[in-house]
Protein backbone atom coordinates (compact mmCIF):
# COMPACT_ATOMS: atom_id res chain seq x y z
CA MET A 1 94.59 -48.51 21.01
CA ARG A 2 96.99 -50.86 19.25
CA SER A 3 100.31 -51.40 20.89
CA GLY A 4 103.47 -50.29 19.26
CA VAL A 5 105.59 -52.65 17.14
CA GLU A 6 109.23 -53.04 17.71
CA SER A 7 111.36 -52.16 14.71
CA PRO A 8 113.88 -54.85 13.61
CA ILE A 9 116.62 -52.93 15.35
CA SER A 10 115.08 -51.66 18.41
CA LEU A 11 118.16 -49.96 19.99
CA GLY A 12 117.92 -46.27 19.38
CA PHE A 13 114.86 -46.49 17.19
CA PRO A 14 111.32 -45.61 18.31
CA LYS A 15 108.57 -48.11 18.16
CA LEU A 16 106.44 -48.15 15.05
CA ARG A 17 102.81 -47.45 15.48
CA VAL A 18 101.92 -49.42 12.31
CA ASP A 19 102.12 -53.13 12.28
CA TYR A 20 103.22 -53.53 8.65
CA ARG A 21 103.04 -57.31 8.94
CA ASP A 22 99.27 -57.18 9.32
CA SER A 23 99.07 -55.06 6.18
CA LEU A 24 101.41 -57.19 4.15
CA SER A 25 99.53 -60.27 5.24
CA LEU A 26 96.25 -58.94 3.81
CA VAL A 27 98.05 -57.75 0.61
CA GLY A 28 99.06 -61.39 0.29
CA THR A 29 95.50 -62.59 0.59
CA VAL A 30 94.46 -60.29 -2.18
CA LEU A 31 97.34 -61.36 -4.44
CA LYS A 32 96.56 -65.03 -3.80
CA TYR A 33 92.97 -64.61 -5.08
CA LEU A 34 94.13 -62.42 -7.98
CA VAL A 35 95.00 -65.74 -9.58
CA VAL A 36 91.30 -66.50 -10.30
CA PRO A 37 90.67 -63.61 -12.90
CA LEU A 38 93.80 -64.67 -14.77
CA PHE A 39 91.85 -67.69 -15.94
CA LEU A 40 89.89 -65.49 -18.38
CA PRO A 41 92.96 -64.61 -20.61
CA VAL A 42 93.92 -68.26 -20.30
CA VAL A 43 90.61 -69.25 -21.81
CA VAL A 44 91.01 -66.63 -24.54
CA ALA A 45 94.56 -67.86 -25.33
CA LEU A 46 93.18 -71.40 -25.80
CA VAL A 47 90.39 -70.22 -28.07
CA TYR A 48 92.77 -68.27 -30.29
CA GLY A 49 95.60 -70.83 -30.16
CA GLU A 50 98.02 -68.61 -28.31
CA PRO A 51 100.48 -69.57 -25.50
CA VAL A 52 99.20 -69.70 -21.95
CA VAL A 53 102.72 -69.47 -20.52
CA PRO A 54 102.55 -65.61 -19.80
CA PHE A 55 99.56 -66.22 -17.53
CA ALA A 56 100.66 -69.48 -16.09
CA VAL A 57 103.98 -67.76 -15.01
CA THR A 58 101.95 -64.84 -13.57
CA MET A 59 99.74 -67.27 -11.65
CA LEU A 60 102.65 -69.09 -10.15
CA LEU A 61 104.53 -65.97 -9.09
CA THR A 62 101.37 -64.28 -7.71
CA LEU A 63 100.29 -67.32 -5.80
CA ALA A 64 103.74 -67.90 -4.33
CA SER A 65 104.17 -64.27 -3.25
CA GLY A 66 100.69 -64.11 -1.85
CA VAL A 67 101.05 -67.19 0.29
CA ALA A 68 104.52 -65.92 1.46
CA LEU A 69 103.10 -62.62 2.50
CA GLU A 70 100.15 -64.23 4.32
CA ARG A 71 102.56 -66.17 6.52
CA LEU A 72 103.93 -62.95 7.94
CA ARG A 73 100.78 -62.72 10.08
CA PRO A 74 98.36 -65.78 9.90
CA GLU A 75 95.66 -63.96 11.81
CA PRO A 76 96.06 -60.23 10.91
CA ASP A 77 94.51 -57.60 13.17
CA LEU A 78 93.61 -54.62 11.00
CA GLY A 79 93.64 -51.21 12.55
CA PRO A 80 92.96 -47.83 10.82
CA ARG A 81 96.66 -47.24 10.11
CA GLU A 82 97.21 -50.83 8.92
CA GLY A 83 94.16 -50.28 6.60
CA PHE A 84 95.70 -47.25 4.81
CA LEU A 85 98.98 -49.10 4.35
CA MET A 86 97.33 -52.27 3.14
CA VAL A 87 95.27 -50.26 0.43
CA GLY A 88 98.21 -48.33 -0.77
CA LEU A 89 100.44 -51.42 -1.04
CA THR A 90 97.71 -53.46 -2.71
CA TRP A 91 97.40 -51.09 -5.64
CA LEU A 92 101.10 -51.12 -6.12
CA ALA A 93 101.32 -54.89 -5.87
CA VAL A 94 98.51 -55.62 -8.32
CA ALA A 95 100.14 -53.18 -10.86
CA VAL A 96 103.35 -55.19 -10.61
CA VAL A 97 101.49 -58.41 -11.10
CA GLY A 98 99.57 -56.89 -14.06
CA ALA A 99 102.81 -56.09 -15.77
CA ILE A 100 104.15 -59.68 -15.70
CA PRO A 101 102.15 -61.00 -18.66
CA TYR A 102 103.29 -58.13 -20.80
CA LEU A 103 106.96 -58.85 -20.00
CA VAL A 104 106.74 -62.56 -20.49
CA ALA A 105 104.90 -62.14 -23.80
CA ALA A 106 107.59 -59.74 -25.03
CA HIS A 107 110.60 -61.68 -23.86
CA GLY A 108 109.50 -65.30 -23.60
CA VAL A 109 110.63 -67.86 -21.07
CA PRO A 110 113.75 -69.99 -21.64
CA LEU A 111 112.86 -73.63 -22.63
CA LEU A 112 109.16 -72.89 -22.35
CA MET A 113 108.09 -70.19 -24.84
CA GLU A 114 109.62 -68.00 -27.53
CA PRO A 115 108.56 -64.26 -27.46
CA VAL A 116 104.97 -63.84 -28.62
CA ALA A 117 105.33 -60.14 -29.30
CA PRO A 118 109.12 -59.53 -29.44
CA THR A 119 108.65 -56.03 -30.97
CA SER A 120 106.13 -54.95 -28.29
CA THR A 121 106.86 -51.76 -26.48
CA LEU A 122 105.79 -53.58 -23.40
CA GLY A 123 109.11 -55.38 -23.20
CA ASN A 124 110.47 -52.29 -21.41
CA PRO A 125 109.63 -52.80 -17.68
CA PHE A 126 108.74 -49.08 -17.32
CA ASN A 127 106.27 -49.41 -20.17
CA ALA A 128 104.85 -52.68 -18.82
CA LEU A 129 104.33 -51.10 -15.36
CA PHE A 130 102.91 -47.90 -16.90
CA GLU A 131 100.30 -49.94 -18.95
CA SER A 132 99.41 -52.11 -15.93
CA MET A 133 99.01 -49.14 -13.57
CA SER A 134 97.00 -47.32 -16.14
CA GLY A 135 94.77 -50.37 -16.45
CA PHE A 136 94.15 -51.06 -12.81
CA THR A 137 93.70 -47.38 -11.95
CA THR A 138 91.32 -47.19 -14.99
CA THR A 139 93.39 -44.26 -16.45
CA GLY A 140 93.41 -45.57 -19.93
CA ALA A 141 96.73 -43.84 -20.92
CA THR A 142 98.82 -46.18 -23.10
CA VAL A 143 102.37 -46.71 -24.22
CA LEU A 144 101.53 -49.45 -26.70
CA GLY A 145 102.34 -47.22 -29.67
CA GLU A 146 100.64 -49.60 -32.14
CA ILE A 147 97.41 -50.98 -30.70
CA SER A 148 96.68 -54.28 -32.46
CA VAL A 149 95.41 -57.69 -31.29
CA ASP A 150 97.42 -59.17 -34.15
CA LYS A 151 100.75 -57.70 -32.82
CA HIS A 152 100.18 -58.19 -29.04
CA GLY A 153 97.85 -61.17 -29.07
CA TYR A 154 94.15 -61.58 -28.18
CA SER A 155 94.82 -62.98 -24.74
CA VAL A 156 97.31 -60.32 -23.71
CA MET A 157 94.97 -57.55 -25.00
CA MET A 158 92.09 -59.22 -23.10
CA TRP A 159 94.22 -59.09 -19.86
CA ARG A 160 94.68 -55.41 -20.59
CA GLN A 161 90.92 -54.89 -20.77
CA LEU A 162 90.37 -57.06 -17.61
CA THR A 163 92.79 -55.04 -15.48
CA GLN A 164 90.54 -51.93 -15.98
CA TRP A 165 87.39 -53.88 -15.04
CA LEU A 166 88.87 -55.26 -11.89
CA GLY A 167 90.20 -51.81 -10.90
CA GLY A 168 87.00 -49.99 -11.65
CA MET A 169 84.91 -50.78 -8.63
CA GLY A 170 88.05 -51.32 -6.65
CA ILE A 171 90.32 -54.30 -5.89
CA VAL A 172 89.93 -53.92 -2.22
CA VAL A 173 86.16 -53.46 -2.48
CA LEU A 174 86.04 -56.71 -4.38
CA ALA A 175 88.15 -58.40 -1.66
CA VAL A 176 85.91 -57.16 1.10
CA ALA A 177 82.92 -58.63 -0.87
CA ILE A 178 84.28 -62.12 -1.14
CA LEU A 179 86.97 -62.64 1.55
CA PRO A 180 85.76 -63.14 5.15
CA GLU A 181 89.25 -62.09 6.40
CA LEU A 182 88.44 -58.52 5.36
CA SER A 183 84.88 -58.34 6.70
CA VAL A 184 86.29 -56.86 9.95
CA GLY A 185 87.71 -53.44 9.16
CA GLY A 186 86.16 -53.57 5.70
CA ALA A 187 84.45 -50.15 6.09
CA GLN A 188 87.72 -48.27 6.58
CA LEU A 189 89.35 -50.15 3.65
CA MET A 190 86.52 -49.23 1.38
CA ASP A 191 86.61 -45.64 2.57
CA ALA A 192 90.34 -45.50 1.90
CA GLU A 193 89.90 -46.87 -1.63
CA ALA A 194 86.57 -45.81 -2.93
CA PRO A 195 86.53 -42.72 -5.12
CA GLY A 196 84.93 -39.64 -3.48
CA PRO A 197 84.44 -38.27 -0.03
CA GLY A 198 82.90 -41.57 1.29
CA ILE A 199 80.89 -44.53 0.41
CA GLU A 200 77.19 -45.10 1.38
CA LYS A 201 76.44 -48.20 3.45
CA LEU A 202 73.62 -50.07 1.68
CA THR A 203 73.25 -52.87 4.15
CA PRO A 204 73.92 -53.42 7.89
CA ARG A 205 77.11 -55.44 6.93
CA ILE A 206 79.84 -53.74 4.91
CA ALA A 207 80.63 -57.04 3.01
CA GLU A 208 77.03 -57.16 1.79
CA THR A 209 77.34 -53.56 0.62
CA ALA A 210 80.47 -54.39 -1.34
CA ARG A 211 78.68 -57.40 -2.88
CA ALA A 212 75.70 -55.19 -3.86
CA LEU A 213 77.96 -52.71 -5.52
CA TRP A 214 79.74 -55.42 -7.46
CA VAL A 215 76.40 -57.04 -8.50
CA ALA A 216 75.27 -53.70 -9.96
CA TYR A 217 78.59 -53.30 -11.69
CA LEU A 218 78.51 -56.80 -13.20
CA GLY A 219 74.84 -56.41 -14.23
CA PHE A 220 75.51 -53.23 -16.26
CA THR A 221 78.60 -54.85 -17.77
CA ALA A 222 76.55 -57.87 -18.94
CA LEU A 223 73.86 -55.61 -20.31
CA GLU A 224 76.31 -53.58 -22.31
CA ILE A 225 77.90 -56.80 -23.74
CA ALA A 226 74.46 -57.96 -24.87
CA LEU A 227 73.66 -54.62 -26.56
CA LEU A 228 76.98 -54.22 -28.35
CA TYR A 229 77.04 -57.87 -29.58
CA GLY A 230 73.40 -57.39 -30.63
CA LEU A 231 74.62 -54.77 -33.15
CA TYR A 232 76.95 -57.33 -34.60
CA LEU A 233 74.26 -60.06 -34.83
CA ALA A 234 71.87 -57.49 -36.46
CA GLY A 235 74.48 -56.68 -39.04
CA VAL A 236 74.79 -53.02 -37.95
CA ASP A 237 78.46 -53.21 -36.78
CA GLN A 238 80.77 -56.03 -37.87
CA ASN A 239 83.50 -54.72 -35.61
CA LEU A 240 81.57 -55.67 -32.55
CA TYR A 241 82.09 -59.43 -32.70
CA LEU A 242 81.99 -61.14 -29.28
CA TYR A 243 85.59 -60.44 -28.38
CA ASN A 244 85.23 -56.72 -29.14
CA ALA A 245 81.89 -56.46 -27.46
CA VAL A 246 83.30 -57.99 -24.27
CA ALA A 247 86.49 -55.96 -24.50
CA HIS A 248 84.67 -52.61 -24.79
CA ALA A 249 82.06 -53.39 -22.05
CA LEU A 250 84.97 -54.30 -19.68
CA THR A 251 86.43 -50.88 -20.07
CA THR A 252 83.30 -48.78 -20.24
CA MET A 253 81.82 -49.52 -16.88
CA PRO A 254 85.14 -48.92 -15.03
CA THR A 255 85.52 -45.61 -16.91
CA GLY A 256 88.75 -47.07 -18.18
CA GLY A 257 88.90 -46.28 -21.92
CA PHE A 258 91.29 -49.05 -23.11
CA SER A 259 90.21 -50.34 -26.52
CA PRO A 260 91.74 -53.07 -28.70
CA GLU A 261 90.97 -50.82 -31.68
CA ALA A 262 93.76 -48.56 -32.76
CA ARG A 263 91.30 -45.73 -33.34
CA SER A 264 89.37 -46.30 -30.17
CA ILE A 265 85.58 -45.92 -30.53
CA GLU A 266 86.03 -44.09 -33.89
CA ALA A 267 86.34 -47.62 -35.38
CA LEU A 268 82.72 -48.36 -34.25
CA SER A 269 79.36 -47.38 -35.68
CA ALA A 270 77.29 -44.34 -34.72
CA ALA A 271 74.76 -46.83 -33.10
CA ALA A 272 77.57 -48.33 -30.95
CA GLN A 273 78.72 -44.83 -29.82
CA TRP A 274 75.11 -43.86 -28.88
CA ILE A 275 74.82 -47.15 -26.80
CA ILE A 276 78.17 -46.44 -25.02
CA ILE A 277 77.26 -42.83 -24.06
CA PRO A 278 74.52 -43.76 -21.43
CA PHE A 279 76.74 -46.52 -19.94
CA MET A 280 79.56 -44.01 -19.42
CA ILE A 281 76.99 -41.76 -17.75
CA VAL A 282 75.87 -44.64 -15.49
CA ALA A 283 79.49 -45.54 -14.68
CA GLY A 284 80.09 -41.93 -13.53
CA THR A 285 77.06 -42.07 -11.26
CA ASN A 286 77.14 -43.15 -7.62
CA PHE A 287 76.67 -46.84 -7.61
CA ALA A 288 74.92 -46.79 -4.27
CA LEU A 289 72.37 -44.46 -5.75
CA ILE A 290 71.93 -46.69 -8.79
CA TRP A 291 71.48 -49.70 -6.51
CA ARG A 292 68.73 -47.99 -4.61
CA ALA A 293 67.12 -46.82 -7.88
CA VAL A 294 67.00 -50.34 -9.45
CA THR A 295 65.84 -51.99 -6.20
CA GLY A 296 62.61 -50.13 -5.85
CA ASN A 297 63.44 -46.46 -5.23
CA PRO A 298 63.85 -44.85 -8.67
CA GLU A 299 62.79 -41.44 -7.24
CA ARG A 300 66.17 -41.41 -5.45
CA LEU A 301 67.78 -40.34 -8.84
CA THR A 302 65.66 -37.26 -9.31
CA ASP A 303 65.78 -36.34 -5.70
CA ASP A 304 69.54 -36.49 -5.45
CA SER A 305 71.09 -33.04 -5.73
CA GLU A 306 74.51 -34.32 -6.79
CA PHE A 307 73.07 -36.41 -9.57
CA ARG A 308 70.98 -33.44 -10.89
CA PHE A 309 74.16 -31.24 -10.86
CA TYR A 310 76.15 -34.03 -12.62
CA LEU A 311 73.59 -34.23 -15.49
CA GLY A 312 73.29 -30.49 -15.69
CA VAL A 313 77.00 -29.96 -16.19
CA LEU A 314 77.10 -32.80 -18.80
CA ALA A 315 74.19 -31.20 -20.65
CA ALA A 316 75.57 -27.66 -20.52
CA LEU A 317 79.01 -28.65 -21.82
CA THR A 318 77.56 -30.91 -24.52
CA ALA A 319 75.25 -28.12 -25.74
CA VAL A 320 78.19 -25.65 -26.03
CA VAL A 321 80.55 -28.01 -27.81
CA SER A 322 77.65 -29.23 -30.10
CA ALA A 323 77.09 -25.59 -31.14
CA LEU A 324 80.83 -25.06 -31.72
CA LEU A 325 81.07 -28.19 -33.95
CA PHE A 326 77.80 -27.59 -35.77
CA THR A 327 78.84 -24.04 -36.78
CA GLY A 328 82.36 -25.04 -37.71
CA VAL A 329 83.93 -22.75 -35.02
CA GLY A 330 85.09 -25.86 -33.15
CA PHE A 331 87.59 -26.95 -35.70
CA VAL A 332 91.18 -25.66 -36.44
CA ALA A 333 91.80 -24.05 -39.82
CA GLU A 334 94.71 -26.30 -40.74
CA VAL A 335 96.82 -29.19 -39.48
CA PRO A 336 99.39 -27.93 -36.97
CA ALA A 337 103.01 -28.89 -37.35
CA GLY A 338 103.60 -32.34 -35.86
CA GLY A 339 99.89 -33.00 -35.70
CA THR A 340 98.50 -36.52 -35.09
CA TYR A 341 96.27 -36.37 -38.11
CA ASP A 342 96.48 -35.22 -41.77
CA ALA A 343 94.68 -32.69 -43.84
CA GLN A 344 92.40 -35.32 -45.33
CA TYR A 345 91.26 -36.31 -41.82
CA LEU A 346 90.54 -32.69 -40.96
CA SER A 347 88.55 -32.24 -44.06
CA ASP A 348 86.54 -35.39 -43.66
CA ALA A 349 85.73 -34.60 -39.98
CA ARG A 350 84.63 -31.13 -40.82
CA GLY A 351 82.52 -32.30 -43.78
CA ALA A 352 80.80 -34.97 -41.63
CA ILE A 353 79.99 -32.80 -38.73
CA VAL A 354 79.65 -29.10 -39.75
CA ALA A 355 75.94 -28.25 -40.34
CA ASN A 356 74.99 -31.90 -39.51
CA LEU A 357 73.09 -31.97 -36.28
CA GLU A 358 73.16 -35.61 -35.38
CA PRO A 359 77.04 -36.10 -35.69
CA ALA A 360 77.69 -32.73 -34.03
CA VAL A 361 75.63 -33.68 -30.97
CA ARG A 362 76.91 -37.30 -30.90
CA HIS A 363 80.62 -36.37 -31.07
CA ALA A 364 80.14 -33.49 -28.59
CA ALA A 365 78.21 -35.69 -26.17
CA PHE A 366 80.53 -38.61 -26.49
CA GLN A 367 83.72 -36.63 -25.82
CA ILE A 368 82.21 -34.48 -23.05
CA VAL A 369 80.85 -37.61 -21.23
CA SER A 370 83.97 -39.67 -21.93
CA ILE A 371 86.31 -37.00 -20.53
CA MET A 372 84.22 -35.77 -17.58
CA THR A 373 83.48 -39.31 -16.41
CA THR A 374 87.30 -40.01 -16.99
CA THR A 375 86.51 -42.91 -19.30
CA GLY A 376 88.94 -41.61 -22.00
CA TYR A 377 87.35 -43.17 -25.09
CA ALA A 378 87.35 -41.13 -28.28
CA SER A 379 84.85 -41.12 -31.12
CA LEU A 380 87.27 -38.99 -33.28
CA ASP A 381 90.67 -37.30 -32.83
CA PHE A 382 89.70 -34.15 -30.94
CA ASN A 383 93.19 -32.76 -31.68
CA ALA A 384 91.43 -31.46 -34.79
CA TRP A 385 89.15 -29.34 -32.66
CA GLY A 386 89.85 -25.72 -32.13
CA PRO A 387 91.06 -24.09 -28.86
CA ALA A 388 87.58 -23.39 -27.42
CA PRO A 389 86.22 -27.02 -27.38
CA GLN A 390 89.64 -28.30 -26.33
CA TYR A 391 89.85 -26.02 -23.31
CA LEU A 392 86.31 -27.14 -22.41
CA LEU A 393 87.60 -30.69 -22.52
CA LEU A 394 90.48 -29.75 -20.28
CA PHE A 395 88.04 -28.16 -17.87
CA ALA A 396 86.03 -31.36 -17.89
CA MET A 397 89.06 -33.32 -16.92
CA PHE A 398 88.93 -31.66 -13.53
CA ILE A 399 85.29 -32.22 -12.79
CA GLY A 400 85.04 -36.01 -12.68
CA GLY A 401 82.21 -38.34 -11.88
CA SER A 402 80.11 -38.64 -8.83
CA ALA A 403 81.31 -39.87 -5.44
CA GLY A 404 80.99 -43.65 -5.23
CA SER A 405 81.22 -44.05 -9.02
CA THR A 406 84.17 -45.49 -11.02
CA GLY A 407 85.13 -42.01 -12.24
CA GLY A 408 88.26 -40.10 -11.23
CA ALA A 409 89.40 -36.53 -10.94
CA ILE A 410 88.04 -34.09 -8.27
CA LYS A 411 84.39 -35.32 -8.33
CA VAL A 412 81.12 -33.60 -8.87
CA VAL A 413 80.13 -33.63 -5.28
CA ARG A 414 83.04 -31.55 -4.26
CA TRP A 415 82.34 -28.99 -7.00
CA TYR A 416 78.71 -28.86 -5.93
CA VAL A 417 79.70 -28.15 -2.40
CA ILE A 418 82.23 -25.52 -3.48
CA VAL A 419 79.52 -23.69 -5.61
CA LYS A 420 76.97 -23.83 -2.74
CA SER A 421 79.56 -22.53 -0.21
CA VAL A 422 80.60 -19.66 -2.52
CA ARG A 423 76.90 -18.70 -2.90
CA ARG A 424 76.58 -18.88 0.96
CA GLU A 425 79.54 -16.57 1.32
CA LEU A 426 78.16 -14.04 -1.10
CA TYR A 427 74.74 -14.17 0.72
CA THR A 428 76.22 -13.80 4.17
CA THR A 429 78.45 -10.95 3.03
CA ALA A 430 75.27 -9.09 1.95
CA HIS A 431 73.42 -10.30 5.14
CA PRO A 432 76.02 -10.51 7.94
CA ALA A 433 73.43 -11.60 10.57
CA ALA A 434 72.19 -14.49 8.48
CA VAL A 435 72.94 -18.12 9.36
CA ARG A 436 72.87 -20.21 6.31
CA PRO A 437 74.41 -23.77 6.40
CA VAL A 438 75.55 -25.55 3.27
CA ARG A 439 73.15 -28.36 2.59
CA LEU A 440 73.64 -31.66 0.62
CA GLY A 441 70.76 -34.00 0.17
CA GLY A 442 68.73 -32.07 2.75
CA ARG A 443 71.33 -32.32 5.39
CA ALA A 444 73.54 -29.54 6.70
CA LEU A 445 77.21 -30.21 6.05
CA ASP A 446 79.68 -29.96 8.96
CA GLU A 447 82.05 -27.03 8.42
CA ARG A 448 85.03 -29.38 8.91
CA ALA A 449 83.78 -31.38 5.81
CA ILE A 450 83.52 -28.17 3.84
CA ARG A 451 87.11 -27.17 4.79
CA GLY A 452 88.30 -30.69 3.92
CA ILE A 453 86.75 -30.40 0.43
CA TYR A 454 88.53 -27.04 -0.09
CA ALA A 455 91.81 -28.51 1.24
CA PHE A 456 91.65 -31.54 -1.11
CA THR A 457 90.80 -29.36 -4.17
CA LEU A 458 93.62 -26.93 -3.35
CA LEU A 459 96.05 -29.85 -2.93
CA TYR A 460 94.92 -31.39 -6.21
CA PHE A 461 95.69 -28.22 -8.02
CA VAL A 462 99.06 -27.79 -6.28
CA ILE A 463 100.07 -31.22 -7.32
CA PHE A 464 98.82 -30.55 -10.81
CA PHE A 465 100.90 -27.47 -11.34
CA VAL A 466 103.99 -28.92 -9.69
CA ALA A 467 103.70 -32.10 -11.77
CA THR A 468 103.28 -30.09 -14.97
CA ALA A 469 106.55 -28.28 -14.34
CA VAL A 470 108.32 -31.59 -13.56
CA LEU A 471 107.16 -33.15 -16.85
CA LEU A 472 108.30 -30.04 -18.76
CA VAL A 473 111.74 -30.14 -17.10
CA ASP A 474 112.17 -33.83 -17.73
CA ALA A 475 111.04 -33.47 -21.39
CA ASP A 476 113.66 -30.66 -21.81
CA ARG A 477 116.24 -32.95 -20.20
CA VAL A 478 115.86 -35.63 -22.83
CA GLY A 479 115.15 -33.34 -25.77
CA GLN A 480 111.44 -34.21 -26.07
CA ARG A 481 109.30 -31.53 -27.64
CA LEU A 482 106.49 -31.00 -25.26
CA THR A 483 104.14 -27.93 -25.28
CA MET A 484 102.52 -26.45 -22.16
CA LEU A 485 99.13 -27.74 -23.19
CA GLU A 486 100.53 -31.30 -23.73
CA SER A 487 102.21 -31.36 -20.33
CA MET A 488 99.15 -29.94 -18.54
CA SER A 489 96.85 -32.43 -20.25
CA ALA A 490 99.22 -35.32 -19.55
CA VAL A 491 99.28 -34.53 -15.88
CA ALA A 492 95.61 -33.89 -15.76
CA ALA A 493 94.95 -37.12 -17.56
CA THR A 494 97.13 -39.25 -15.37
CA LEU A 495 96.40 -37.66 -11.94
CA GLY A 496 92.68 -37.64 -12.76
CA ASN A 497 92.77 -41.08 -14.27
CA VAL A 498 91.32 -39.70 -17.54
CA GLY A 499 93.66 -41.24 -20.15
CA PRO A 500 94.07 -39.16 -23.27
CA GLY A 501 95.36 -35.57 -23.35
CA PHE A 502 96.20 -33.28 -26.26
CA GLY A 503 98.81 -33.27 -28.96
CA SER A 504 101.13 -36.22 -28.93
CA VAL A 505 99.24 -37.71 -25.86
CA GLY A 506 95.92 -37.23 -27.63
CA PRO A 507 93.29 -39.92 -28.16
CA MET A 508 95.04 -41.48 -31.16
CA GLY A 509 98.48 -40.88 -29.69
CA SER A 510 100.38 -42.48 -26.79
CA TYR A 511 102.72 -41.74 -23.84
CA LEU A 512 105.53 -43.78 -25.43
CA GLY A 513 107.70 -40.64 -26.18
CA PHE A 514 108.28 -39.86 -22.44
CA SER A 515 111.47 -40.94 -20.75
CA ASN A 516 111.50 -43.74 -18.35
CA LEU A 517 111.76 -41.23 -15.49
CA GLY A 518 108.77 -39.41 -16.84
CA LYS A 519 106.84 -42.60 -17.09
CA ALA A 520 107.71 -43.52 -13.52
CA PHE A 521 106.52 -40.11 -12.40
CA MET A 522 103.18 -40.53 -14.16
CA ILE A 523 102.86 -44.09 -12.69
CA ALA A 524 103.04 -42.42 -9.32
CA LEU A 525 100.49 -39.82 -10.37
CA MET A 526 98.09 -42.49 -11.45
CA TRP A 527 98.46 -44.31 -8.12
CA VAL A 528 98.06 -41.17 -6.07
CA GLY A 529 95.02 -40.01 -8.18
CA ARG A 530 93.25 -43.28 -7.88
CA LEU A 531 93.57 -43.33 -4.08
CA GLU A 532 92.59 -39.62 -4.02
CA ILE A 533 95.91 -38.29 -2.69
CA ILE A 534 95.15 -38.24 1.05
CA PRO A 535 95.64 -41.93 1.72
CA VAL A 536 98.98 -41.91 -0.03
CA LEU A 537 100.28 -38.67 1.54
CA ILE A 538 99.41 -40.03 4.99
CA LEU A 539 101.85 -42.87 4.37
CA LEU A 540 104.55 -40.30 3.78
CA THR A 541 104.18 -38.44 7.09
CA PRO A 542 106.38 -39.27 10.06
CA GLU A 543 103.52 -38.89 12.44
CA TYR A 544 101.79 -41.90 10.73
CA TRP A 545 104.63 -44.24 11.57
CA ARG A 546 105.65 -42.96 14.89
CA ARG A 547 104.09 -44.22 18.23
């Protein structure tokens, strides 16, 4: 057992059980190496003739702070408690780093650079941190207002895309894969960070498992870039020039949803939308399962009960929404007051989809897959849909992807266990003498694991309802018109790392209208949701800190 750590003022204060210096030292190590991916937007800036100062300043500040934190403990000793603290602080720290290029581009640097985007909404520190946290947590909610590479710059927008790709598989998982300092204690770090109940160990060494996951992640990203750019080379979609192909692939595989296009995926061709759909499905699948499938065991996919349940839910929801759109029932009769689209858009959408099978299935599949996997792309403004398909999308926001995927929300595996345990309760009620364990993948689940899943799900919904009320109160405080559905969808979208909601926060809208306090609250929701609540709540308990 680790010894206690004296607090700075020991007289009258108990010893801390957590050595925060070990945690901060490893946060510094991660920050130091975060300088490396910043070279990509630097290259983009040089290609497009834009200033590199926003990224040079970020590199210097990040490197200096990383080295300073490392010196707190040159040889850190990572225990379970320090691991939780390190993971939580790392995600806060990278979000702060990610906001620096936005602020520098908006305000400039005296004697070095005039503002590149002086009218950018990201000049507000709350907005910059919101956009950065949304990026790294792969939420995809935006406060840009006007999404345009011409206004914000190609390099800044590429950094926005890259934050999602880095956050998708996990900052700490990447660090475990490449940094020997984290190889000891890496398993507990990955468990604390990885989405879902746990992460499958693919190799005897946890660092090799982390590298395997990132290799699969990188491989699918490269494949998607090639396919999307191939549409441009074939003359099918001129919007998918190399920059756009890379930008969209970087935010598909992490189930992020940021797009440099103002109209998201609506700006791309039907062929591009069909290509993106299977990549979103892959991104919402357990990457450990994918790794085993592509390395010689493809039968693992069909044998995996969670994967079958995942595909079944996607297929069922897609079929229902397709039917609603095809018959015209899925559209509103007229544009609501304050809608994010006009009557012409509604007319065009209805005319293109109703009684046309291919677009009905394509848009239904795209939106269901995008929302359920928490990617957050949009192939059209689904604010124009009626209540029935919208509530199905809201329901999909709570399902999420598979455990071990880049998806957010509650996760398919938890819902699968809940469904099986409910069936078990019904059976044992009718047959009191029966002993019927809940099985997952052929193995009987421990009852404590089942209780843990119920506890997590209940806690998730408690936070959801409380947060919805908080947003409504804050909106009323500042005179913001916010409906119940908008507030519920905003919370579901940020806590579940989904991105778009309904109404003003819909796929073609933004979160810019919220107050700074409301944005700060949703920044916390994104952080808590990405780390799946428990690792963050643990840090807030006195028992965690006391000896």
